[in-house]
Amino acid sequence: MWESFCKFHQWIWESFCKFHQWIWKSFCKFHQWIWESFCKFHQWIWESFSKFHQWIWESFCKFHQWIWESFCKFHHWIWESFCKFHHWIWESFCKFHKLIWECNNKPEQRECTTLNKMISLCFHFSQDFF
C-alpha cells in the first residue's frame, strides 16, 4: 500500500510540481522582469511626457502585470504550498515507509535491526501506556 501511495506522491512531486516550479522560475520570472523593469520604465516615461507610452503602459504592460499578479502568483502558490507539501510527504513519510518495507524483506541489515528495535520498543511502550 505504501508503495502506490508514495509513488503517487513522488509522481505528483516529480511531474506536476516540477512543471509548476518551471512555470514559476522561467515563464513567470520573465513576466515579472518585464513588469518590474521595462514597464515601470514606460510608466515613468508616460508620467513624464508621452501618450504613446501611455498606450504601451495601459495595454502591453498591464497585460504583463496581470500575468505576473494573477497567473504567476497562483503558480507560485501551487509550488510553495501544494508541491512542497507533496515533496515533504515523499521525503519523510514515504522514505520512512520504504525503509520499513525494505527491512521487512531484509531484517538482517544493520539499520533494519536498529529500526526494528525502535519499533518494538514503541510498541511495548504503547502497550504499557494504554
N, C-alpha and C. Protein backbone atom coordinates (compact mmCIF):
# COMPACT_ATOMS: atom_id res chain seq x y z
N MET A 1 0.82 -1.19 0.00
CA MET A 1 0.00 0.00 0.00
C MET A 1 0.87 1.26 0.00
N TRP A 2 1.90 1.28 0.84
CA TRP A 2 2.73 2.48 0.90
C TRP A 2 3.36 2.77 -0.46
N GLU A 3 3.70 1.71 -1.19
CA GLU A 3 4.40 1.94 -2.47
C GLU A 3 3.52 2.70 -3.45
N SER A 4 2.27 2.31 -3.58
CA SER A 4 1.41 3.02 -4.54
C SER A 4 1.12 4.44 -4.06
N PHE A 5 0.80 4.59 -2.77
CA PHE A 5 0.54 5.92 -2.22
C PHE A 5 1.74 6.83 -2.40
N CYS A 6 2.90 6.33 -2.05
CA CYS A 6 4.10 7.16 -2.09
C CYS A 6 4.57 7.40 -3.51
N LYS A 7 4.43 6.41 -4.35
CA LYS A 7 4.83 6.62 -5.74
C LYS A 7 3.92 7.65 -6.40
N PHE A 8 2.67 7.66 -5.99
CA PHE A 8 1.76 8.69 -6.50
C PHE A 8 2.24 10.07 -6.06
N HIS A 9 2.59 10.21 -4.77
CA HIS A 9 3.08 11.50 -4.29
C HIS A 9 4.42 11.85 -4.92
N GLN A 10 5.25 10.86 -5.14
CA GLN A 10 6.51 11.12 -5.83
C GLN A 10 6.24 11.59 -7.26
N TRP A 11 5.29 10.96 -7.91
CA TRP A 11 4.93 11.37 -9.27
C TRP A 11 4.39 12.80 -9.26
N ILE A 12 3.51 13.12 -8.30
CA ILE A 12 3.00 14.49 -8.20
C ILE A 12 4.16 15.46 -8.05
N TRP A 13 5.10 15.12 -7.17
CA TRP A 13 6.25 15.99 -6.95
C TRP A 13 7.09 16.10 -8.21
N GLU A 14 7.41 14.99 -8.85
CA GLU A 14 8.39 15.00 -9.94
C GLU A 14 7.82 15.48 -11.26
N SER A 15 6.53 15.38 -11.47
CA SER A 15 5.99 15.84 -12.75
C SER A 15 5.18 17.12 -12.58
N PHE A 16 4.04 17.01 -11.93
CA PHE A 16 3.15 18.17 -11.78
C PHE A 16 3.85 19.34 -11.11
N CYS A 17 4.52 19.07 -9.99
CA CYS A 17 5.08 20.16 -9.21
C CYS A 17 6.32 20.74 -9.85
N LYS A 18 7.14 19.91 -10.45
CA LYS A 18 8.32 20.45 -11.12
C LYS A 18 7.91 21.26 -12.33
N PHE A 19 6.81 20.90 -12.96
CA PHE A 19 6.29 21.71 -14.05
C PHE A 19 5.88 23.08 -13.54
N HIS A 20 5.15 23.12 -12.42
CA HIS A 20 4.75 24.41 -11.85
C HIS A 20 5.97 25.19 -11.37
N GLN A 21 6.96 24.49 -10.86
CA GLN A 21 8.20 25.17 -10.47
C GLN A 21 8.85 25.80 -11.71
N TRP A 22 8.87 25.06 -12.80
CA TRP A 22 9.44 25.59 -14.04
C TRP A 22 8.65 26.80 -14.52
N ILE A 23 7.31 26.71 -14.48
CA ILE A 23 6.48 27.87 -14.87
C ILE A 23 6.85 29.07 -14.01
N TRP A 24 6.95 28.83 -12.71
CA TRP A 24 7.27 29.93 -11.80
C TRP A 24 8.66 30.49 -12.08
N LYS A 25 9.65 29.61 -12.22
CA LYS A 25 11.03 30.08 -12.31
C LYS A 25 11.39 30.66 -13.67
N SER A 26 10.74 30.25 -14.73
CA SER A 26 11.13 30.75 -16.05
C SER A 26 10.08 31.71 -16.60
N PHE A 27 8.94 31.18 -16.97
CA PHE A 27 7.89 31.99 -17.59
C PHE A 27 7.50 33.17 -16.71
N CYS A 28 7.25 32.92 -15.44
CA CYS A 28 6.73 33.97 -14.57
C CYS A 28 7.80 34.98 -14.20
N LYS A 29 9.01 34.53 -13.99
CA LYS A 29 10.06 35.49 -13.67
C LYS A 29 10.35 36.38 -14.86
N PHE A 30 10.18 35.85 -16.07
CA PHE A 30 10.31 36.69 -17.26
C PHE A 30 9.24 37.78 -17.25
N HIS A 31 8.00 37.41 -16.97
CA HIS A 31 6.93 38.41 -16.92
C HIS A 31 7.13 39.37 -15.75
N GLN A 32 7.66 38.88 -14.66
CA GLN A 32 7.98 39.76 -13.55
C GLN A 32 9.04 40.77 -13.98
N TRP A 33 10.04 40.29 -14.69
CA TRP A 33 11.09 41.19 -15.17
C TRP A 33 10.51 42.23 -16.12
N ILE A 34 9.65 41.80 -17.06
CA ILE A 34 9.01 42.76 -17.97
C ILE A 34 8.25 43.80 -17.16
N TRP A 35 7.49 43.32 -16.19
CA TRP A 35 6.70 44.24 -15.38
C TRP A 35 7.59 45.18 -14.58
N GLU A 36 8.59 44.65 -13.91
CA GLU A 36 9.36 45.46 -12.97
C GLU A 36 10.41 46.34 -13.63
N SER A 37 10.86 46.02 -14.82
CA SER A 37 11.88 46.85 -15.45
C SER A 37 11.31 47.62 -16.64
N PHE A 38 11.00 46.91 -17.71
CA PHE A 38 10.53 47.55 -18.93
C PHE A 38 9.28 48.40 -18.69
N CYS A 39 8.29 47.84 -18.02
CA CYS A 39 7.01 48.53 -17.88
C CYS A 39 7.09 49.68 -16.89
N LYS A 40 7.83 49.52 -15.83
CA LYS A 40 7.96 50.63 -14.89
C LYS A 40 8.73 51.78 -15.53
N PHE A 41 9.64 51.44 -16.41
CA PHE A 41 10.33 52.48 -17.18
C PHE A 41 9.34 53.23 -18.06
N HIS A 42 8.47 52.50 -18.74
CA HIS A 42 7.46 53.14 -19.58
C HIS A 42 6.45 53.92 -18.74
N GLN A 43 6.18 53.46 -17.56
CA GLN A 43 5.32 54.23 -16.67
C GLN A 43 5.98 55.57 -16.36
N TRP A 44 7.25 55.53 -16.09
CA TRP A 44 7.98 56.77 -15.81
C TRP A 44 7.95 57.70 -17.04
N ILE A 45 8.18 57.12 -18.24
CA ILE A 45 8.14 57.92 -19.47
C ILE A 45 6.75 58.55 -19.62
N TRP A 46 5.71 57.72 -19.41
CA TRP A 46 4.35 58.26 -19.54
C TRP A 46 4.12 59.39 -18.55
N GLU A 47 4.50 59.18 -17.33
CA GLU A 47 4.30 60.21 -16.32
C GLU A 47 5.11 61.45 -16.63
N SER A 48 6.12 61.30 -17.45
CA SER A 48 6.91 62.46 -17.85
C SER A 48 6.32 63.13 -19.09
N PHE A 49 6.16 62.42 -20.20
CA PHE A 49 5.82 63.18 -21.42
C PHE A 49 5.02 62.52 -22.52
N SER A 50 4.56 61.27 -22.54
CA SER A 50 4.10 60.74 -23.83
C SER A 50 2.82 59.94 -23.78
N LYS A 51 1.90 60.25 -24.69
CA LYS A 51 0.66 59.49 -24.81
C LYS A 51 0.90 58.13 -25.46
N PHE A 52 1.85 58.05 -26.34
CA PHE A 52 2.20 56.75 -26.93
C PHE A 52 2.64 55.79 -25.84
N HIS A 53 3.44 56.30 -24.95
CA HIS A 53 3.89 55.45 -23.85
C HIS A 53 2.75 55.14 -22.89
N GLN A 54 1.76 55.98 -22.85
CA GLN A 54 0.57 55.65 -22.07
C GLN A 54 -0.09 54.41 -22.65
N TRP A 55 -0.17 54.35 -23.96
CA TRP A 55 -0.75 53.18 -24.62
C TRP A 55 0.08 51.93 -24.31
N ILE A 56 1.40 52.05 -24.41
CA ILE A 56 2.27 50.91 -24.05
C ILE A 56 1.99 50.50 -22.62
N TRP A 57 1.93 51.47 -21.74
CA TRP A 57 1.68 51.18 -20.33
C TRP A 57 0.33 50.51 -20.12
N GLU A 58 -0.72 51.05 -20.73
CA GLU A 58 -2.07 50.58 -20.43
C GLU A 58 -2.42 49.28 -21.13
N SER A 59 -1.77 48.94 -22.20
CA SER A 59 -2.11 47.68 -22.87
C SER A 59 -1.04 46.62 -22.60
N PHE A 60 0.10 46.77 -23.21
CA PHE A 60 1.16 45.77 -23.11
C PHE A 60 1.58 45.52 -21.67
N CYS A 61 1.86 46.57 -20.94
CA CYS A 61 2.41 46.41 -19.60
C CYS A 61 1.37 45.95 -18.59
N LYS A 62 0.16 46.42 -18.72
CA LYS A 62 -0.86 45.95 -17.79
C LYS A 62 -1.17 44.48 -18.03
N PHE A 63 -1.03 44.05 -19.26
CA PHE A 63 -1.18 42.62 -19.55
C PHE A 63 -0.10 41.82 -18.83
N HIS A 64 1.14 42.27 -18.93
CA HIS A 64 2.23 41.57 -18.23
C HIS A 64 2.08 41.69 -16.72
N GLN A 65 1.58 42.80 -16.26
CA GLN A 65 1.32 42.93 -14.83
C GLN A 65 0.25 41.93 -14.40
N TRP A 66 -0.78 41.80 -15.20
CA TRP A 66 -1.84 40.85 -14.89
C TRP A 66 -1.30 39.43 -14.89
N ILE A 67 -0.50 39.08 -15.89
CA ILE A 67 0.11 37.74 -15.92
C ILE A 67 0.92 37.52 -14.65
N TRP A 68 1.73 38.49 -14.30
CA TRP A 68 2.56 38.35 -13.10
C TRP A 68 1.71 38.24 -11.85
N GLU A 69 0.71 39.12 -11.70
CA GLU A 69 -0.01 39.19 -10.43
C GLU A 69 -1.08 38.12 -10.26
N SER A 70 -1.57 37.54 -11.33
CA SER A 70 -2.61 36.51 -11.18
C SER A 70 -2.05 35.13 -11.51
N PHE A 71 -1.79 34.89 -12.76
CA PHE A 71 -1.36 33.57 -13.21
C PHE A 71 -0.10 33.11 -12.49
N CYS A 72 0.91 33.97 -12.44
CA CYS A 72 2.20 33.55 -11.89
C CYS A 72 2.16 33.42 -10.38
N LYS A 73 1.47 34.32 -9.73
CA LYS A 73 1.39 34.19 -8.27
C LYS A 73 0.61 32.95 -7.89
N PHE A 74 -0.36 32.57 -8.70
CA PHE A 74 -1.08 31.32 -8.47
C PHE A 74 -0.13 30.13 -8.61
N HIS A 75 0.69 30.12 -9.66
CA HIS A 75 1.65 29.02 -9.83
C HIS A 75 2.69 29.04 -8.72
N HIS A 76 3.05 30.20 -8.27
CA HIS A 76 3.99 30.27 -7.15
C HIS A 76 3.34 29.69 -5.90
N TRP A 77 2.07 29.99 -5.68
CA TRP A 77 1.35 29.42 -4.54
C TRP A 77 1.27 27.90 -4.66
N ILE A 78 0.96 27.40 -5.86
CA ILE A 78 0.93 25.94 -6.06
C ILE A 78 2.28 25.35 -5.69
N TRP A 79 3.33 25.99 -6.19
CA TRP A 79 4.68 25.49 -5.90
C TRP A 79 4.98 25.56 -4.41
N GLU A 80 4.72 26.69 -3.78
CA GLU A 80 5.12 26.91 -2.39
C GLU A 80 4.32 26.07 -1.40
N SER A 81 3.05 25.85 -1.66
CA SER A 81 2.23 25.14 -0.67
C SER A 81 1.98 23.70 -1.09
N PHE A 82 1.20 23.51 -2.12
CA PHE A 82 0.80 22.17 -2.54
C PHE A 82 2.01 21.28 -2.85
N CYS A 83 2.94 21.80 -3.63
CA CYS A 83 4.05 20.96 -4.08
C CYS A 83 5.06 20.70 -2.98
N LYS A 84 5.32 21.69 -2.17
CA LYS A 84 6.26 21.46 -1.07
C LYS A 84 5.68 20.47 -0.07
N PHE A 85 4.36 20.49 0.08
CA PHE A 85 3.72 19.51 0.94
C PHE A 85 3.91 18.10 0.38
N HIS A 86 3.68 17.95 -0.93
CA HIS A 86 3.87 16.63 -1.54
C HIS A 86 5.33 16.21 -1.51
N HIS A 87 6.22 17.16 -1.64
CA HIS A 87 7.64 16.84 -1.52
C HIS A 87 7.95 16.35 -0.11
N TRP A 88 7.37 17.01 0.89
CA TRP A 88 7.57 16.59 2.27
C TRP A 88 7.01 15.18 2.48
N ILE A 89 5.81 14.92 1.95
CA ILE A 89 5.24 13.56 2.07
C ILE A 89 6.21 12.55 1.48
N TRP A 90 6.73 12.85 0.29
CA TRP A 90 7.65 11.92 -0.35
C TRP A 90 8.93 11.79 0.46
N GLU A 91 9.52 12.89 0.87
CA GLU A 91 10.83 12.88 1.51
C GLU A 91 10.79 12.25 2.90
N SER A 92 9.76 12.49 3.66
CA SER A 92 9.75 11.99 5.04
C SER A 92 8.91 10.73 5.17
N PHE A 93 7.62 10.88 4.99
CA PHE A 93 6.71 9.76 5.20
C PHE A 93 7.05 8.58 4.30
N CYS A 94 7.23 8.83 3.01
CA CYS A 94 7.39 7.73 2.07
C CYS A 94 8.75 7.07 2.19
N LYS A 95 9.79 7.85 2.43
CA LYS A 95 11.11 7.24 2.58
C LYS A 95 11.18 6.41 3.85
N PHE A 96 10.49 6.87 4.90
CA PHE A 96 10.42 6.09 6.13
C PHE A 96 9.70 4.77 5.88
N HIS A 97 8.59 4.82 5.18
CA HIS A 97 7.84 3.60 4.89
C HIS A 97 8.61 2.69 3.93
N LYS A 98 9.37 3.27 3.04
CA LYS A 98 10.21 2.47 2.16
C LYS A 98 11.25 1.72 2.99
N LEU A 99 11.84 2.40 3.97
CA LEU A 99 12.81 1.75 4.85
C LEU A 99 12.15 0.60 5.62
N ILE A 100 10.96 0.84 6.16
CA ILE A 100 10.24 -0.23 6.87
C ILE A 100 9.97 -1.40 5.93
N TRP A 101 9.53 -1.10 4.72
CA TRP A 101 9.24 -2.14 3.74
C TRP A 101 10.50 -2.94 3.41
N GLU A 102 11.61 -2.25 3.21
CA GLU A 102 12.86 -2.94 2.91
C GLU A 102 13.33 -3.77 4.10
N CYS A 103 13.09 -3.27 5.30
CA CYS A 103 13.51 -4.00 6.49
C CYS A 103 12.66 -5.25 6.70
N ASN A 104 11.43 -5.21 6.28
CA ASN A 104 10.60 -6.42 6.37
C ASN A 104 11.13 -7.50 5.43
N ASN A 105 11.75 -7.08 4.33
CA ASN A 105 12.29 -8.04 3.38
C ASN A 105 13.73 -8.44 3.69
N LYS A 106 14.47 -7.58 4.37
CA LYS A 106 15.88 -7.86 4.71
C LYS A 106 16.13 -7.46 6.17
N PRO A 107 15.58 -8.17 7.10
CA PRO A 107 15.69 -7.75 8.51
C PRO A 107 17.10 -7.85 9.08
N GLU A 108 18.02 -8.50 8.36
CA GLU A 108 19.37 -8.67 8.89
C GLU A 108 20.25 -7.42 8.70
N GLN A 109 19.83 -6.48 7.88
CA GLN A 109 20.63 -5.27 7.69
C GLN A 109 20.75 -4.49 8.99
N ARG A 110 21.90 -3.85 9.18
CA ARG A 110 22.17 -3.15 10.43
C ARG A 110 21.12 -2.08 10.76
N GLU A 111 20.81 -1.22 9.77
CA GLU A 111 19.82 -0.18 10.04
C GLU A 111 18.44 -0.77 10.31
N CYS A 112 18.19 -1.96 9.76
CA CYS A 112 16.90 -2.61 9.99
C CYS A 112 16.80 -3.16 11.40
N THR A 113 17.87 -3.70 11.92
CA THR A 113 17.80 -4.21 13.29
C THR A 113 17.58 -3.05 14.26
N THR A 114 18.23 -1.92 14.00
CA THR A 114 18.00 -0.73 14.83
C THR A 114 16.56 -0.25 14.70
N LEU A 115 16.08 -0.18 13.48
CA LEU A 115 14.71 0.26 13.25
C LEU A 115 13.72 -0.70 13.90
N ASN A 116 13.92 -1.99 13.72
CA ASN A 116 13.02 -2.98 14.32
C ASN A 116 13.03 -2.90 15.84
N LYS A 117 14.20 -2.64 16.42
CA LYS A 117 14.27 -2.47 17.88
C LYS A 117 13.47 -1.25 18.31
N MET A 118 13.62 -0.17 17.56
CA MET A 118 12.86 1.05 17.89
C MET A 118 11.36 0.80 17.79
N ILE A 119 10.95 0.13 16.73
CA ILE A 119 9.52 -0.15 16.55
C ILE A 119 9.00 -1.03 17.66
N SER A 120 9.75 -2.06 18.03
CA SER A 120 9.28 -2.95 19.09
C SER A 120 9.26 -2.21 20.44
N LEU A 121 10.24 -1.34 20.68
CA LEU A 121 10.22 -0.54 21.92
C LEU A 121 8.98 0.36 21.96
N CYS A 122 8.69 1.00 20.85
CA CYS A 122 7.50 1.86 20.79
C CYS A 122 6.23 1.04 20.98
N PHE A 123 6.20 -0.12 20.39
CA PHE A 123 5.03 -0.99 20.53
C PHE A 123 4.85 -1.40 21.99
N HIS A 124 5.94 -1.81 22.65
CA HIS A 124 5.85 -2.21 24.06
C HIS A 124 5.49 -1.03 24.95
N PHE A 125 6.06 0.13 24.65
CA PHE A 125 5.73 1.32 25.43
C PHE A 125 4.25 1.67 25.29
N SER A 126 3.75 1.59 24.08
CA SER A 126 2.33 1.92 23.87
C SER A 126 1.43 0.92 24.58
N GLN A 127 1.83 -0.35 24.63
CA GLN A 127 1.02 -1.34 25.35
C GLN A 127 1.03 -1.05 26.84
N ASP A 128 2.20 -0.69 27.37
CA ASP A 128 2.30 -0.36 28.80
C ASP A 128 1.52 0.91 29.13
N PHE A 129 1.57 1.84 28.23
CA PHE A 129 0.94 3.13 28.47
C PHE A 129 -0.58 3.03 28.41
N PHE A 130 -1.08 2.27 27.45
CA PHE A 130 -2.52 2.15 27.28
C PHE A 130 -2.97 0.87 27.91
